[in-house]
Amino acid sequence: MPIEIYTTPTCEYCRQLKQYLEELEIEYAEHNVVHDLKRADEMSKKSGQFGVPVVDIDGTIIVGFNKTEIDKALENRTTP
């Protein structure tokens, strides 16, 4: 199952997150919450807020571009 990320087009941290995942060669599904209100609602239910980026790694929700937490969740992945 790919990692899900919730982003907006103008978010600098979203760009940094995508670049980081690409450097690690991690596949992800990106959801633009500006253009997809269903995904925006999904994101707010998962994270409890509306800030981006939001990362969902096998049910571990990380708000913001937090490399330490992302790395920790990647290490604990059940699916490569």
N, C-alpha and C. Protein backbone atom coordinates (compact mmCIF):
# COMPACT_ATOMS: atom_id res chain seq x y z
N MET A 1 0.85 -1.17 0.00
CA MET A 1 0.00 0.00 0.00
C MET A 1 0.89 1.24 0.00
N PRO A 2 0.67 2.15 -0.95
CA PRO A 2 1.53 3.34 -0.99
C PRO A 2 1.22 4.28 0.18
N ILE A 3 2.18 5.09 0.48
CA ILE A 3 2.00 6.14 1.47
C ILE A 3 1.04 7.16 0.86
N GLU A 4 0.17 7.73 1.69
CA GLU A 4 -0.72 8.78 1.22
C GLU A 4 -0.24 10.11 1.78
N ILE A 5 -0.17 11.11 0.92
CA ILE A 5 0.18 12.44 1.38
C ILE A 5 -0.90 13.42 0.93
N TYR A 6 -1.21 14.35 1.81
CA TYR A 6 -2.22 15.37 1.55
C TYR A 6 -1.49 16.69 1.45
N THR A 7 -1.67 17.38 0.33
CA THR A 7 -0.88 18.56 0.03
C THR A 7 -1.73 19.67 -0.57
N THR A 8 -1.09 20.84 -0.71
CA THR A 8 -1.63 21.94 -1.51
C THR A 8 -0.55 22.38 -2.48
N PRO A 9 -0.92 22.98 -3.60
CA PRO A 9 0.08 23.35 -4.60
C PRO A 9 1.09 24.42 -4.15
N THR A 10 0.72 25.27 -3.22
CA THR A 10 1.60 26.37 -2.84
C THR A 10 2.40 26.11 -1.57
N CYS A 11 2.28 24.94 -1.00
CA CYS A 11 2.92 24.62 0.29
C CYS A 11 4.38 24.21 0.06
N GLU A 12 5.30 24.99 0.63
CA GLU A 12 6.72 24.68 0.49
C GLU A 12 7.09 23.39 1.22
N TYR A 13 6.50 23.15 2.39
CA TYR A 13 6.79 21.91 3.11
C TYR A 13 6.27 20.69 2.36
N CYS A 14 5.19 20.87 1.61
CA CYS A 14 4.68 19.77 0.78
C CYS A 14 5.69 19.42 -0.31
N ARG A 15 6.27 20.44 -0.93
CA ARG A 15 7.29 20.21 -1.95
C ARG A 15 8.50 19.50 -1.35
N GLN A 16 8.92 19.94 -0.17
CA GLN A 16 10.06 19.31 0.49
C GLN A 16 9.76 17.85 0.83
N LEU A 17 8.54 17.58 1.28
CA LEU A 17 8.13 16.21 1.61
C LEU A 17 8.21 15.33 0.37
N LYS A 18 7.66 15.79 -0.74
CA LYS A 18 7.67 14.99 -1.97
C LYS A 18 9.10 14.73 -2.44
N GLN A 19 9.93 15.76 -2.36
CA GLN A 19 11.33 15.60 -2.76
C GLN A 19 12.03 14.57 -1.87
N TYR A 20 11.78 14.63 -0.57
CA TYR A 20 12.39 13.69 0.37
C TYR A 20 11.96 12.26 0.07
N LEU A 21 10.67 12.04 -0.13
CA LEU A 21 10.18 10.69 -0.44
C LEU A 21 10.75 10.18 -1.76
N GLU A 22 10.88 11.07 -2.74
CA GLU A 22 11.46 10.67 -4.03
C GLU A 22 12.93 10.31 -3.87
N GLU A 23 13.66 11.05 -3.03
CA GLU A 23 15.07 10.72 -2.77
C GLU A 23 15.20 9.34 -2.13
N LEU A 24 14.24 8.99 -1.28
CA LEU A 24 14.25 7.68 -0.63
C LEU A 24 13.65 6.59 -1.51
N GLU A 25 13.17 6.98 -2.69
CA GLU A 25 12.51 6.07 -3.64
C GLU A 25 11.30 5.40 -3.02
N ILE A 26 10.53 6.20 -2.29
CA ILE A 26 9.29 5.74 -1.66
C ILE A 26 8.12 6.16 -2.54
N GLU A 27 7.29 5.19 -2.90
CA GLU A 27 6.10 5.51 -3.69
C GLU A 27 5.06 6.14 -2.78
N TYR A 28 4.32 7.09 -3.34
CA TYR A 28 3.26 7.74 -2.57
C TYR A 28 2.11 8.12 -3.48
N ALA A 29 0.93 8.23 -2.87
CA ALA A 29 -0.25 8.73 -3.56
C ALA A 29 -0.50 10.13 -3.01
N GLU A 30 -0.52 11.10 -3.91
CA GLU A 30 -0.70 12.49 -3.49
C GLU A 30 -2.15 12.92 -3.67
N HIS A 31 -2.67 13.59 -2.64
CA HIS A 31 -4.03 14.11 -2.69
C HIS A 31 -3.96 15.62 -2.51
N ASN A 32 -4.37 16.35 -3.54
CA ASN A 32 -4.39 17.81 -3.49
C ASN A 32 -5.70 18.23 -2.83
N VAL A 33 -5.62 18.70 -1.59
CA VAL A 33 -6.83 19.01 -0.83
C VAL A 33 -7.49 20.31 -1.23
N VAL A 34 -6.84 21.10 -2.07
CA VAL A 34 -7.47 22.31 -2.58
C VAL A 34 -8.51 21.94 -3.62
N HIS A 35 -8.20 20.97 -4.45
CA HIS A 35 -9.08 20.59 -5.56
C HIS A 35 -9.98 19.41 -5.25
N ASP A 36 -9.75 18.72 -4.15
CA ASP A 36 -10.53 17.53 -3.82
C ASP A 36 -11.05 17.66 -2.39
N LEU A 37 -12.25 18.18 -2.26
CA LEU A 37 -12.82 18.43 -0.94
C LEU A 37 -13.09 17.15 -0.17
N LYS A 38 -13.34 16.05 -0.87
CA LYS A 38 -13.52 14.76 -0.20
C LYS A 38 -12.22 14.36 0.50
N ARG A 39 -11.11 14.56 -0.19
CA ARG A 39 -9.80 14.23 0.41
C ARG A 39 -9.46 15.21 1.53
N ALA A 40 -9.87 16.48 1.40
CA ALA A 40 -9.64 17.44 2.47
C ALA A 40 -10.37 17.00 3.74
N ASP A 41 -11.61 16.53 3.58
CA ASP A 41 -12.39 16.04 4.72
C ASP A 41 -11.73 14.79 5.31
N GLU A 42 -11.28 13.90 4.43
CA GLU A 42 -10.58 12.68 4.87
C GLU A 42 -9.34 13.04 5.68
N MET A 43 -8.58 14.02 5.18
CA MET A 43 -7.36 14.45 5.85
C MET A 43 -7.67 15.01 7.24
N SER A 44 -8.70 15.84 7.33
CA SER A 44 -9.02 16.45 8.62
C SER A 44 -9.51 15.41 9.62
N LYS A 45 -10.19 14.38 9.14
CA LYS A 45 -10.63 13.30 10.04
C LYS A 45 -9.44 12.49 10.53
N LYS A 46 -8.46 12.27 9.66
CA LYS A 46 -7.27 11.50 10.05
C LYS A 46 -6.38 12.28 11.02
N SER A 47 -6.20 13.57 10.74
CA SER A 47 -5.22 14.35 11.48
C SER A 47 -5.82 15.23 12.57
N GLY A 48 -7.11 15.51 12.47
CA GLY A 48 -7.74 16.40 13.43
C GLY A 48 -7.49 17.86 13.16
N GLN A 49 -6.95 18.17 11.98
CA GLN A 49 -6.72 19.57 11.62
C GLN A 49 -6.67 19.74 10.11
N PHE A 50 -6.46 21.00 9.68
CA PHE A 50 -6.47 21.29 8.26
C PHE A 50 -5.10 21.68 7.71
N GLY A 51 -4.05 21.63 8.53
CA GLY A 51 -2.72 21.99 8.06
C GLY A 51 -2.13 20.92 7.16
N VAL A 52 -1.30 21.34 6.22
CA VAL A 52 -0.62 20.42 5.32
C VAL A 52 0.88 20.62 5.45
N PRO A 53 1.66 19.65 5.09
CA PRO A 53 1.26 18.34 4.60
C PRO A 53 0.84 17.41 5.74
N VAL A 54 0.06 16.41 5.36
CA VAL A 54 -0.28 15.32 6.25
C VAL A 54 0.18 14.04 5.56
N VAL A 55 0.86 13.19 6.31
CA VAL A 55 1.39 11.94 5.77
C VAL A 55 0.72 10.78 6.50
N ASP A 56 0.25 9.82 5.72
CA ASP A 56 -0.35 8.60 6.29
C ASP A 56 0.52 7.42 5.86
N ILE A 57 1.27 6.88 6.82
CA ILE A 57 2.12 5.73 6.55
C ILE A 57 1.53 4.55 7.30
N ASP A 58 0.77 3.75 6.58
CA ASP A 58 0.14 2.56 7.16
C ASP A 58 -0.65 2.88 8.43
N GLY A 59 -1.36 4.01 8.42
CA GLY A 59 -2.18 4.39 9.57
C GLY A 59 -1.48 5.28 10.58
N THR A 60 -0.18 5.47 10.45
CA THR A 60 0.53 6.43 11.29
C THR A 60 0.41 7.79 10.63
N ILE A 61 -0.20 8.73 11.33
CA ILE A 61 -0.47 10.05 10.78
C ILE A 61 0.58 11.04 11.29
N ILE A 62 1.21 11.73 10.35
CA ILE A 62 2.22 12.73 10.68
C ILE A 62 1.79 14.04 10.05
N VAL A 63 1.70 15.08 10.88
CA VAL A 63 1.32 16.39 10.38
C VAL A 63 2.59 17.21 10.23
N GLY A 64 2.76 17.78 9.05
CA GLY A 64 3.95 18.57 8.77
C GLY A 64 5.06 17.71 8.19
N PHE A 65 6.13 18.37 7.77
CA PHE A 65 7.28 17.67 7.22
C PHE A 65 8.27 17.42 8.34
N ASN A 66 8.11 16.28 9.01
CA ASN A 66 8.91 15.91 10.16
C ASN A 66 9.72 14.67 9.79
N LYS A 67 10.95 14.89 9.34
CA LYS A 67 11.79 13.78 8.86
C LYS A 67 11.96 12.69 9.92
N THR A 68 12.15 13.08 11.17
CA THR A 68 12.37 12.09 12.22
C THR A 68 11.18 11.16 12.35
N GLU A 69 9.99 11.73 12.40
CA GLU A 69 8.78 10.92 12.53
C GLU A 69 8.51 10.11 11.26
N ILE A 70 8.78 10.68 10.11
CA ILE A 70 8.60 9.97 8.84
C ILE A 70 9.54 8.77 8.79
N ASP A 71 10.81 9.00 9.12
CA ASP A 71 11.79 7.90 9.11
C ASP A 71 11.39 6.80 10.08
N LYS A 72 10.92 7.18 11.26
CA LYS A 72 10.51 6.21 12.26
C LYS A 72 9.33 5.38 11.75
N ALA A 73 8.35 6.04 11.12
CA ALA A 73 7.19 5.32 10.60
C ALA A 73 7.59 4.42 9.42
N LEU A 74 8.52 4.86 8.61
CA LEU A 74 9.00 4.04 7.49
C LEU A 74 9.70 2.79 7.99
N GLU A 75 10.47 2.91 9.06
CA GLU A 75 11.16 1.76 9.64
C GLU A 75 10.17 0.71 10.16
N ASN A 76 9.02 1.18 10.59
CA ASN A 76 8.01 0.28 11.18
C ASN A 76 6.98 -0.22 10.17
N ARG A 77 7.18 0.08 8.90
CA ARG A 77 6.20 -0.32 7.88
C ARG A 77 6.04 -1.83 7.83
N THR A 78 4.79 -2.25 7.68
CA THR A 78 4.52 -3.66 7.53
C THR A 78 4.55 -4.08 6.07
N THR A 79 4.37 -3.09 5.18
CA THR A 79 4.38 -3.36 3.74
C THR A 79 5.45 -2.49 3.12
N PRO A 80 6.41 -3.07 2.40
CA PRO A 80 7.48 -2.28 1.80
C PRO A 80 6.98 -1.36 0.71
